[in-house]
Amino acid sequence: MDSVIDSVPNLSVISQIELLCWKTEAHKEQAIKDFINDSEVMGITSDVIFYCVKIRRSKRIKTPDAIIAATSIANNYTLISNNDSDSIGIKGLKY
């Protein structure tokens, strides 16, 4: 866990969109923008699409959540989230 916490954050482009859509106070919104600017935002690649399709065919999960999980799998990242119901049980996902 220490290596994950000490690393530069990697975000799926979907996570970036979701974070920017939160309605919150101006100082919190700026903190979110600063976090995103300090992160590497990962786009949707052919590998992400491949894993997203596998996930969606095997588990009832919304496409944005599948893209986030697929981004983690395709890049061999550990997903840190509080969305247990969507993330637990996805084959190959480090959660």
PDB file of N, CA and C in Angstrom:
ATOM      1  N   MET A   1       0.821  -1.188   0.000  1.00  0.00           N
ATOM      2  CA  MET A   1       0.000   0.000   0.000  1.00  0.00           C
ATOM      3  C   MET A   1       0.871   1.259   0.000  1.00  0.00           C
ATOM      4  N   ASP A   2       2.010   1.223   0.688  1.00  0.00           N
ATOM      5  CA  ASP A   2       2.880   2.405   0.737  1.00  0.00           C
ATOM      6  C   ASP A   2       3.329   2.818  -0.665  1.00  0.00           C
ATOM      7  N   SER A   3       3.682   1.835  -1.499  1.00  0.00           N
ATOM      8  CA  SER A   3       4.143   2.183  -2.843  1.00  0.00           C
ATOM      9  C   SER A   3       3.026   2.812  -3.661  1.00  0.00           C
ATOM     10  N   VAL A   4       1.789   2.392  -3.431  1.00  0.00           N
ATOM     11  CA  VAL A   4       0.651   2.982  -4.140  1.00  0.00           C
ATOM     12  C   VAL A   4       0.428   4.413  -3.663  1.00  0.00           C
ATOM     13  N   ILE A   5       0.461   4.614  -2.366  1.00  0.00           N
ATOM     14  CA  ILE A   5       0.210   5.942  -1.806  1.00  0.00           C
ATOM     15  C   ILE A   5       1.312   6.927  -2.182  1.00  0.00           C
ATOM     16  N   ASP A   6       2.555   6.465  -2.260  1.00  0.00           N
ATOM     17  CA  ASP A   6       3.676   7.345  -2.567  1.00  0.00           C
ATOM     18  C   ASP A   6       3.851   7.606  -4.058  1.00  0.00           C
ATOM     19  N   SER A   7       3.095   6.937  -4.895  1.00  0.00           N
ATOM     20  CA  SER A   7       3.220   7.082  -6.344  1.00  0.00           C
ATOM     21  C   SER A   7       2.421   8.265  -6.864  1.00  0.00           C
ATOM     22  N   VAL A   8       2.753   8.685  -8.085  1.00  0.00           N
ATOM     23  CA  VAL A   8       1.931   9.673  -8.777  1.00  0.00           C
ATOM     24  C   VAL A   8       0.598   9.001  -9.085  1.00  0.00           C
ATOM     25  N   PRO A   9      -0.515   9.636  -8.737  1.00  0.00           N
ATOM     26  CA  PRO A   9      -1.818   9.009  -8.999  1.00  0.00           C
ATOM     27  C   PRO A   9      -2.052   8.831 -10.500  1.00  0.00           C
ATOM     28  N   ASN A  10      -2.662   7.729 -10.855  1.00  0.00           N
ATOM     29  CA  ASN A  10      -3.080   7.457 -12.220  1.00  0.00           C
ATOM     30  C   ASN A  10      -4.597   7.402 -12.219  1.00  0.00           C
ATOM     31  N   LEU A  11      -5.213   8.174 -13.082  1.00  0.00           N
ATOM     32  CA  LEU A  11      -6.668   8.229 -13.140  1.00  0.00           C
ATOM     33  C   LEU A  11      -7.152   7.806 -14.516  1.00  0.00           C
ATOM     34  N   SER A  12      -8.222   7.062 -14.538  1.00  0.00           N
ATOM     35  CA  SER A  12      -8.925   6.844 -15.787  1.00  0.00           C
ATOM     36  C   SER A  12      -9.551   8.165 -16.198  1.00  0.00           C
ATOM     37  N   VAL A  13      -9.667   8.402 -17.483  1.00  0.00           N
ATOM     38  CA  VAL A  13     -10.338   9.605 -17.962  1.00  0.00           C
ATOM     39  C   VAL A  13     -11.769   9.665 -17.412  1.00  0.00           C
ATOM     40  N   ILE A  14     -12.372   8.508 -17.167  1.00  0.00           N
ATOM     41  CA  ILE A  14     -13.716   8.464 -16.582  1.00  0.00           C
ATOM     42  C   ILE A  14     -13.690   8.995 -15.153  1.00  0.00           C
ATOM     43  N   SER A  15     -12.673   8.626 -14.393  1.00  0.00           N
ATOM     44  CA  SER A  15     -12.545   9.152 -13.022  1.00  0.00           C
ATOM     45  C   SER A  15     -12.364  10.662 -13.050  1.00  0.00           C
ATOM     46  N   GLN A  16     -11.589  11.155 -14.002  1.00  0.00           N
ATOM     47  CA  GLN A  16     -11.408  12.597 -14.128  1.00  0.00           C
ATOM     48  C   GLN A  16     -12.756  13.277 -14.364  1.00  0.00           C
ATOM     49  N   ILE A  17     -13.536  12.756 -15.286  1.00  0.00           N
ATOM     50  CA  ILE A  17     -14.849  13.333 -15.578  1.00  0.00           C
ATOM     51  C   ILE A  17     -15.738  13.294 -14.345  1.00  0.00           C
ATOM     52  N   GLU A  18     -15.771  12.140 -13.667  1.00  0.00           N
ATOM     53  CA  GLU A  18     -16.623  12.015 -12.482  1.00  0.00           C
ATOM     54  C   GLU A  18     -16.206  12.991 -11.383  1.00  0.00           C
ATOM     55  N   LEU A  19     -14.910  13.140 -11.167  1.00  0.00           N
ATOM     56  CA  LEU A  19     -14.434  14.076 -10.140  1.00  0.00           C
ATOM     57  C   LEU A  19     -14.813  15.517 -10.469  1.00  0.00           C
ATOM     58  N   LEU A  20     -14.688  15.885 -11.728  1.00  0.00           N
ATOM     59  CA  LEU A  20     -14.987  17.257 -12.124  1.00  0.00           C
ATOM     60  C   LEU A  20     -16.488  17.562 -12.121  1.00  0.00           C
ATOM     61  N   CYS A  21     -17.314  16.536 -12.108  1.00  0.00           N
ATOM     62  CA  CYS A  21     -18.771  16.730 -12.095  1.00  0.00           C
ATOM     63  C   CYS A  21     -19.334  16.911 -10.691  1.00  0.00           C
ATOM     64  N   TRP A  22     -18.539  16.638  -9.667  1.00  0.00           N
ATOM     65  CA  TRP A  22     -19.028  16.816  -8.300  1.00  0.00           C
ATOM     66  C   TRP A  22     -19.392  18.271  -8.057  1.00  0.00           C
ATOM     67  N   LYS A  23     -20.513  18.478  -7.423  1.00  0.00           N
ATOM     68  CA  LYS A  23     -20.908  19.829  -7.008  1.00  0.00           C
ATOM     69  C   LYS A  23     -20.467  19.990  -5.561  1.00  0.00           C
ATOM     70  N   THR A  24     -19.541  20.917  -5.349  1.00  0.00           N
ATOM     71  CA  THR A  24     -18.969  21.094  -4.020  1.00  0.00           C
ATOM     72  C   THR A  24     -18.520  22.546  -3.858  1.00  0.00           C
ATOM     73  N   GLU A  25     -18.029  22.868  -2.678  1.00  0.00           N
ATOM     74  CA  GLU A  25     -17.544  24.215  -2.407  1.00  0.00           C
ATOM     75  C   GLU A  25     -16.328  24.520  -3.288  1.00  0.00           C
ATOM     76  N   ALA A  26     -16.089  25.806  -3.519  1.00  0.00           N
ATOM     77  CA  ALA A  26     -15.018  26.245  -4.415  1.00  0.00           C
ATOM     78  C   ALA A  26     -13.648  25.739  -3.974  1.00  0.00           C
ATOM     79  N   HIS A  27     -13.355  25.756  -2.669  1.00  0.00           N
ATOM     80  CA  HIS A  27     -12.028  25.311  -2.211  1.00  0.00           C
ATOM     81  C   HIS A  27     -11.848  23.804  -2.421  1.00  0.00           C
ATOM     82  N   LYS A  28     -12.920  23.036  -2.271  1.00  0.00           N
ATOM     83  CA  LYS A  28     -12.819  21.594  -2.522  1.00  0.00           C
ATOM     84  C   LYS A  28     -12.686  21.320  -4.018  1.00  0.00           C
ATOM     85  N   GLU A  29     -13.408  22.101  -4.820  1.00  0.00           N
ATOM     86  CA  GLU A  29     -13.303  21.944  -6.269  1.00  0.00           C
ATOM     87  C   GLU A  29     -11.879  22.228  -6.735  1.00  0.00           C
ATOM     88  N   GLN A  30     -11.249  23.235  -6.149  1.00  0.00           N
ATOM     89  CA  GLN A  30      -9.864  23.548  -6.506  1.00  0.00           C
ATOM     90  C   GLN A  30      -8.924  22.420  -6.073  1.00  0.00           C
ATOM     91  N   ALA A  31      -9.167  21.844  -4.917  1.00  0.00           N
ATOM     92  CA  ALA A  31      -8.349  20.712  -4.455  1.00  0.00           C
ATOM     93  C   ALA A  31      -8.482  19.526  -5.411  1.00  0.00           C
ATOM     94  N   ILE A  32      -9.683  19.292  -5.904  1.00  0.00           N
ATOM     95  CA  ILE A  32      -9.905  18.209  -6.875  1.00  0.00           C
ATOM     96  C   ILE A  32      -9.140  18.505  -8.160  1.00  0.00           C
ATOM     97  N   LYS A  33      -9.225  19.739  -8.641  1.00  0.00           N
ATOM     98  CA  LYS A  33      -8.499  20.121  -9.857  1.00  0.00           C
ATOM     99  C   LYS A  33      -6.991  19.984  -9.655  1.00  0.00           C
ATOM    100  N   ASP A  34      -6.500  20.370  -8.482  1.00  0.00           N
ATOM    101  CA  ASP A  34      -5.071  20.222  -8.180  1.00  0.00           C
ATOM    102  C   ASP A  34      -4.664  18.752  -8.173  1.00  0.00           C
ATOM    103  N   PHE A  35      -5.520  17.893  -7.588  1.00  0.00           N
ATOM    104  CA  PHE A  35      -5.241  16.455  -7.571  1.00  0.00           C
ATOM    105  C   PHE A  35      -5.166  15.915  -8.998  1.00  0.00           C
ATOM    106  N   ILE A  36      -6.111  16.308  -9.832  1.00  0.00           N
ATOM    107  CA  ILE A  36      -6.114  15.850 -11.227  1.00  0.00           C
ATOM    108  C   ILE A  36      -4.858  16.340 -11.947  1.00  0.00           C
ATOM    109  N   ASN A  37      -4.489  17.603 -11.717  1.00  0.00           N
ATOM    110  CA  ASN A  37      -3.287  18.148 -12.362  1.00  0.00           C
ATOM    111  C   ASN A  37      -2.014  17.447 -11.909  1.00  0.00           C
ATOM    112  N   ASP A  38      -2.018  16.900 -10.700  1.00  0.00           N
ATOM    113  CA  ASP A  38      -0.864  16.151 -10.182  1.00  0.00           C
ATOM    114  C   ASP A  38      -0.888  14.682 -10.600  1.00  0.00           C
ATOM    115  N   SER A  39      -1.925  14.283 -11.309  1.00  0.00           N
ATOM    116  CA  SER A  39      -2.118  12.886 -11.698  1.00  0.00           C
ATOM    117  C   SER A  39      -1.805  12.679 -13.170  1.00  0.00           C
ATOM    118  N   GLU A  40      -1.603  11.417 -13.517  1.00  0.00           N
ATOM    119  CA  GLU A  40      -1.520  11.042 -14.923  1.00  0.00           C
ATOM    120  C   GLU A  40      -2.887  10.504 -15.315  1.00  0.00           C
ATOM    121  N   VAL A  41      -3.528  11.142 -16.282  1.00  0.00           N
ATOM    122  CA  VAL A  41      -4.859  10.723 -16.720  1.00  0.00           C
ATOM    123  C   VAL A  41      -4.693   9.762 -17.888  1.00  0.00           C
ATOM    124  N   MET A  42      -5.240   8.566 -17.708  1.00  0.00           N
ATOM    125  CA  MET A  42      -5.114   7.491 -18.687  1.00  0.00           C
ATOM    126  C   MET A  42      -6.324   7.487 -19.617  1.00  0.00           C
ATOM    127  N   GLY A  43      -6.069   7.494 -20.905  1.00  0.00           N
ATOM    128  CA  GLY A  43      -7.136   7.466 -21.898  1.00  0.00           C
ATOM    129  C   GLY A  43      -7.661   6.054 -22.137  1.00  0.00           C
ATOM    130  N   ILE A  44      -8.590   5.964 -23.048  1.00  0.00           N
ATOM    131  CA  ILE A  44      -9.196   4.676 -23.401  1.00  0.00           C
ATOM    132  C   ILE A  44      -8.428   4.112 -24.594  1.00  0.00           C
ATOM    133  N   THR A  45      -7.614   3.110 -24.311  1.00  0.00           N
ATOM    134  CA  THR A  45      -6.797   2.461 -25.336  1.00  0.00           C
ATOM    135  C   THR A  45      -7.473   1.177 -25.809  1.00  0.00           C
ATOM    136  N   SER A  46      -6.898   0.530 -26.799  1.00  0.00           N
ATOM    137  CA  SER A  46      -7.458  -0.740 -27.277  1.00  0.00           C
ATOM    138  C   SER A  46      -7.403  -1.806 -26.180  1.00  0.00           C
ATOM    139  N   ASP A  47      -6.382  -1.785 -25.331  1.00  0.00           N
ATOM    140  CA  ASP A  47      -6.311  -2.734 -24.209  1.00  0.00           C
ATOM    141  C   ASP A  47      -7.430  -2.471 -23.200  1.00  0.00           C
ATOM    142  N   VAL A  48      -7.697  -1.206 -22.918  1.00  0.00           N
ATOM    143  CA  VAL A  48      -8.775  -0.850 -21.996  1.00  0.00           C
ATOM    144  C   VAL A  48     -10.110  -1.332 -22.568  1.00  0.00           C
ATOM    145  N   ILE A  49     -10.318  -1.129 -23.856  1.00  0.00           N
ATOM    146  CA  ILE A  49     -11.548  -1.596 -24.496  1.00  0.00           C
ATOM    147  C   ILE A  49     -11.662  -3.110 -24.379  1.00  0.00           C
ATOM    148  N   PHE A  50     -10.581  -3.827 -24.639  1.00  0.00           N
ATOM    149  CA  PHE A  50     -10.583  -5.289 -24.555  1.00  0.00           C
ATOM    150  C   PHE A  50     -11.018  -5.754 -23.168  1.00  0.00           C
ATOM    151  N   TYR A  51     -10.399  -5.199 -22.118  1.00  0.00           N
ATOM    152  CA  TYR A  51     -10.748  -5.607 -20.755  1.00  0.00           C
ATOM    153  C   TYR A  51     -12.139  -5.125 -20.357  1.00  0.00           C
ATOM    154  N   CYS A  52     -12.536  -3.968 -20.825  1.00  0.00           N
ATOM    155  CA  CYS A  52     -13.877  -3.470 -20.529  1.00  0.00           C
ATOM    156  C   CYS A  52     -14.936  -4.426 -21.070  1.00  0.00           C
ATOM    157  N   VAL A  53     -14.756  -4.881 -22.282  1.00  0.00           N
ATOM    158  CA  VAL A  53     -15.699  -5.835 -22.888  1.00  0.00           C
ATOM    159  C   VAL A  53     -15.733  -7.132 -22.087  1.00  0.00           C
ATOM    160  N   LYS A  54     -14.549  -7.641 -21.696  1.00  0.00           N
ATOM    161  CA  LYS A  54     -14.506  -8.862 -20.883  1.00  0.00           C
ATOM    162  C   LYS A  54     -15.253  -8.674 -19.570  1.00  0.00           C
ATOM    163  N   ILE A  55     -15.038  -7.547 -18.924  1.00  0.00           N
ATOM    164  CA  ILE A  55     -15.692  -7.277 -17.639  1.00  0.00           C
ATOM    165  C   ILE A  55     -17.203  -7.200 -17.824  1.00  0.00           C
ATOM    166  N   ARG A  56     -17.654  -6.431 -18.825  1.00  0.00           N
ATOM    167  CA  ARG A  56     -19.090  -6.245 -19.038  1.00  0.00           C
ATOM    168  C   ARG A  56     -19.792  -7.544 -19.431  1.00  0.00           C
ATOM    169  N   ARG A  57     -19.082  -8.444 -20.087  1.00  0.00           N
ATOM    170  CA  ARG A  57     -19.678  -9.729 -20.458  1.00  0.00           C
ATOM    171  C   ARG A  57     -19.771 -10.690 -19.281  1.00  0.00           C
ATOM    172  N   SER A  58     -18.949 -10.466 -18.263  1.00  0.00           N
ATOM    173  CA  SER A  58     -18.918 -11.407 -17.139  1.00  0.00           C
ATOM    174  C   SER A  58     -19.587 -10.884 -15.871  1.00  0.00           C
ATOM    175  N   LYS A  59     -19.851  -9.596 -15.811  1.00  0.00           N
ATOM    176  CA  LYS A  59     -20.376  -8.996 -14.577  1.00  0.00           C
ATOM    177  C   LYS A  59     -21.327  -7.870 -14.939  1.00  0.00           C
ATOM    178  N   ARG A  60     -22.428  -7.809 -14.219  1.00  0.00           N
ATOM    179  CA  ARG A  60     -23.383  -6.721 -14.443  1.00  0.00           C
ATOM    180  C   ARG A  60     -22.819  -5.458 -13.785  1.00  0.00           C
ATOM    181  N   ILE A  61     -22.278  -4.578 -14.597  1.00  0.00           N
ATOM    182  CA  ILE A  61     -21.585  -3.385 -14.132  1.00  0.00           C
ATOM    183  C   ILE A  61     -21.787  -2.295 -15.177  1.00  0.00           C
ATOM    184  N   LYS A  62     -21.905  -1.063 -14.726  1.00  0.00           N
ATOM    185  CA  LYS A  62     -22.075   0.060 -15.645  1.00  0.00           C
ATOM    186  C   LYS A  62     -20.787   0.269 -16.439  1.00  0.00           C
ATOM    187  N   THR A  63     -20.951   0.721 -17.669  1.00  0.00           N
ATOM    188  CA  THR A  63     -19.801   0.907 -18.553  1.00  0.00           C
ATOM    189  C   THR A  63     -18.730   1.822 -17.957  1.00  0.00           C
ATOM    190  N   PRO A  64     -19.071   2.982 -17.363  1.00  0.00           N
ATOM    191  CA  PRO A  64     -17.998   3.812 -16.796  1.00  0.00           C
ATOM    192  C   PRO A  64     -17.190   3.089 -15.715  1.00  0.00           C
ATOM    193  N   ASP A  65     -17.866   2.312 -14.859  1.00  0.00           N
ATOM    194  CA  ASP A  65     -17.151   1.561 -13.821  1.00  0.00           C
ATOM    195  C   ASP A  65     -16.292   0.464 -14.447  1.00  0.00           C
ATOM    196  N   ALA A  66     -16.776  -0.138 -15.514  1.00  0.00           N
ATOM    197  CA  ALA A  66     -15.993  -1.163 -16.212  1.00  0.00           C
ATOM    198  C   ALA A  66     -14.760  -0.544 -16.867  1.00  0.00           C
ATOM    199  N   ILE A  67     -14.896   0.664 -17.401  1.00  0.00           N
ATOM    200  CA  ILE A  67     -13.746   1.343 -18.012  1.00  0.00           C
ATOM    201  C   ILE A  67     -12.690   1.659 -16.954  1.00  0.00           C
ATOM    202  N   ILE A  68     -13.129   2.105 -15.794  1.00  0.00           N
ATOM    203  CA  ILE A  68     -12.186   2.400 -14.711  1.00  0.00           C
ATOM    204  C   ILE A  68     -11.435   1.129 -14.304  1.00  0.00           C
ATOM    205  N   ALA A  69     -12.167   0.038 -14.101  1.00  0.00           N
ATOM    206  CA  ALA A  69     -11.530  -1.232 -13.744  1.00  0.00           C
ATOM    207  C   ALA A  69     -10.622  -1.719 -14.866  1.00  0.00           C
ATOM    208  N   ALA A  70     -11.076  -1.613 -16.102  1.00  0.00           N
ATOM    209  CA  ALA A  70     -10.285  -2.059 -17.250  1.00  0.00           C
ATOM    210  C   ALA A  70      -9.005  -1.248 -17.390  1.00  0.00           C
ATOM    211  N   THR A  71      -9.067   0.032 -17.088  1.00  0.00           N
ATOM    212  CA  THR A  71      -7.869   0.874 -17.129  1.00  0.00           C
ATOM    213  C   THR A  71      -6.845   0.378 -16.115  1.00  0.00           C
ATOM    214  N   SER A  72      -7.322   0.005 -14.930  1.00  0.00           N
ATOM    215  CA  SER A  72      -6.423  -0.536 -13.903  1.00  0.00           C
ATOM    216  C   SER A  72      -5.792  -1.846 -14.353  1.00  0.00           C
ATOM    217  N   ILE A  73      -6.617  -2.730 -14.908  1.00  0.00           N
ATOM    218  CA  ILE A  73      -6.102  -4.035 -15.347  1.00  0.00           C
ATOM    219  C   ILE A  73      -5.111  -3.862 -16.497  1.00  0.00           C
ATOM    220  N   ALA A  74      -5.487  -3.077 -17.501  1.00  0.00           N
ATOM    221  CA  ALA A  74      -4.649  -2.912 -18.691  1.00  0.00           C
ATOM    222  C   ALA A  74      -3.287  -2.325 -18.365  1.00  0.00           C
ATOM    223  N   ASN A  75      -3.222  -1.510 -17.317  1.00  0.00           N
ATOM    224  CA  ASN A  75      -1.963  -0.857 -16.948  1.00  0.00           C
ATOM    225  C   ASN A  75      -1.298  -1.476 -15.727  1.00  0.00           C
ATOM    226  N   ASN A  76      -1.858  -2.585 -15.248  1.00  0.00           N
ATOM    227  CA  ASN A  76      -1.323  -3.300 -14.087  1.00  0.00           C
ATOM    228  C   ASN A  76      -1.255  -2.396 -12.856  1.00  0.00           C
ATOM    229  N   TYR A  77      -2.311  -1.606 -12.654  1.00  0.00           N
ATOM    230  CA  TYR A  77      -2.417  -0.716 -11.503  1.00  0.00           C
ATOM    231  C   TYR A  77      -3.277  -1.346 -10.418  1.00  0.00           C
ATOM    232  N   THR A  78      -3.174  -0.809  -9.223  1.00  0.00           N
ATOM    233  CA  THR A  78      -4.059  -1.155  -8.123  1.00  0.00           C
ATOM    234  C   THR A  78      -5.157  -0.108  -8.069  1.00  0.00           C
ATOM    235  N   LEU A  79      -6.410  -0.548  -8.104  1.00  0.00           N
ATOM    236  CA  LEU A  79      -7.545   0.366  -8.042  1.00  0.00           C
ATOM    237  C   LEU A  79      -7.866   0.678  -6.591  1.00  0.00           C
ATOM    238  N   ILE A  80      -7.890   1.964  -6.277  1.00  0.00           N
ATOM    239  CA  ILE A  80      -8.294   2.405  -4.944  1.00  0.00           C
ATOM    240  C   ILE A  80      -9.637   3.092  -5.108  1.00  0.00           C
ATOM    241  N   SER A  81     -10.647   2.525  -4.460  1.00  0.00           N
ATOM    242  CA  SER A  81     -12.015   3.018  -4.624  1.00  0.00           C
ATOM    243  C   SER A  81     -12.834   2.609  -3.417  1.00  0.00           C
ATOM    244  N   ASN A  82     -13.966   3.254  -3.243  1.00  0.00           N
ATOM    245  CA  ASN A  82     -14.892   2.818  -2.207  1.00  0.00           C
ATOM    246  C   ASN A  82     -16.122   2.170  -2.834  1.00  0.00           C
ATOM    247  N   ASN A  83     -15.995   1.764  -4.074  1.00  0.00           N
ATOM    248  CA  ASN A  83     -17.091   1.164  -4.825  1.00  0.00           C
ATOM    249  C   ASN A  83     -16.936  -0.356  -4.840  1.00  0.00           C
ATOM    250  N   ASP A  84     -17.019  -0.963  -3.657  1.00  0.00           N
ATOM    251  CA  ASP A  84     -16.795  -2.404  -3.527  1.00  0.00           C
ATOM    252  C   ASP A  84     -17.720  -3.236  -4.408  1.00  0.00           C
ATOM    253  N   SER A  85     -18.989  -2.877  -4.477  1.00  0.00           N
ATOM    254  CA  SER A  85     -19.955  -3.715  -5.189  1.00  0.00           C
ATOM    255  C   SER A  85     -19.602  -3.868  -6.660  1.00  0.00           C
ATOM    256  N   ASP A  86     -19.012  -2.852  -7.262  1.00  0.00           N
ATOM    257  CA  ASP A  86     -18.642  -2.948  -8.669  1.00  0.00           C
ATOM    258  C   ASP A  86     -17.260  -3.548  -8.881  1.00  0.00           C
ATOM    259  N   SER A  87     -16.380  -3.421  -7.897  1.00  0.00           N
ATOM    260  CA  SER A  87     -14.980  -3.804  -8.098  1.00  0.00           C
ATOM    261  C   SER A  87     -14.655  -5.215  -7.642  1.00  0.00           C
ATOM    262  N   ILE A  88     -15.315  -5.690  -6.593  1.00  0.00           N
ATOM    263  CA  ILE A  88     -14.993  -7.021  -6.076  1.00  0.00           C
ATOM    264  C   ILE A  88     -15.454  -8.083  -7.063  1.00  0.00           C
ATOM    265  N   GLY A  89     -14.592  -9.036  -7.300  1.00  0.00           N
ATOM    266  CA  GLY A  89     -14.935 -10.165  -8.155  1.00  0.00           C
ATOM    267  C   GLY A  89     -14.565  -9.971  -9.613  1.00  0.00           C
ATOM    268  N   ILE A  90     -13.901  -8.890  -9.955  1.00  0.00           N
ATOM    269  CA  ILE A  90     -13.469  -8.701 -11.326  1.00  0.00           C
ATOM    270  C   ILE A  90     -12.124  -9.386 -11.494  1.00  0.00           C
ATOM    271  N   LYS A  91     -12.097 -10.363 -12.380  1.00  0.00           N
ATOM    272  CA  LYS A  91     -10.887 -11.162 -12.596  1.00  0.00           C
ATOM    273  C   LYS A  91      -9.738 -10.276 -13.097  1.00  0.00           C
ATOM    274  N   GLY A  92      -8.601 -10.383 -12.427  1.00  0.00           N
ATOM    275  CA  GLY A  92      -7.408  -9.651 -12.808  1.00  0.00           C
ATOM    276  C   GLY A  92      -7.279  -8.274 -12.203  1.00  0.00           C
ATOM    277  N   LEU A  93      -8.307  -7.820 -11.474  1.00  0.00           N
ATOM    278  CA  LEU A  93      -8.272  -6.485 -10.883  1.00  0.00           C
ATOM    279  C   LEU A  93      -7.624  -6.525  -9.512  1.00  0.00           C
ATOM    280  N   LYS A  94      -6.568  -5.708  -9.339  1.00  0.00           N
ATOM    281  CA  LYS A  94      -5.964  -5.528  -8.023  1.00  0.00           C
ATOM    282  C   LYS A  94      -6.712  -4.396  -7.363  1.00  0.00           C
ATOM    283  N   TYR A  95      -7.361  -4.718  -6.242  1.00  0.00           N
ATOM    284  CA  TYR A  95      -8.254  -3.752  -5.598  1.00  0.00           C
ATOM    285  C   TYR A  95      -7.864  -3.565  -4.157  1.00  0.00           C
TER     286      TYR A  95
END
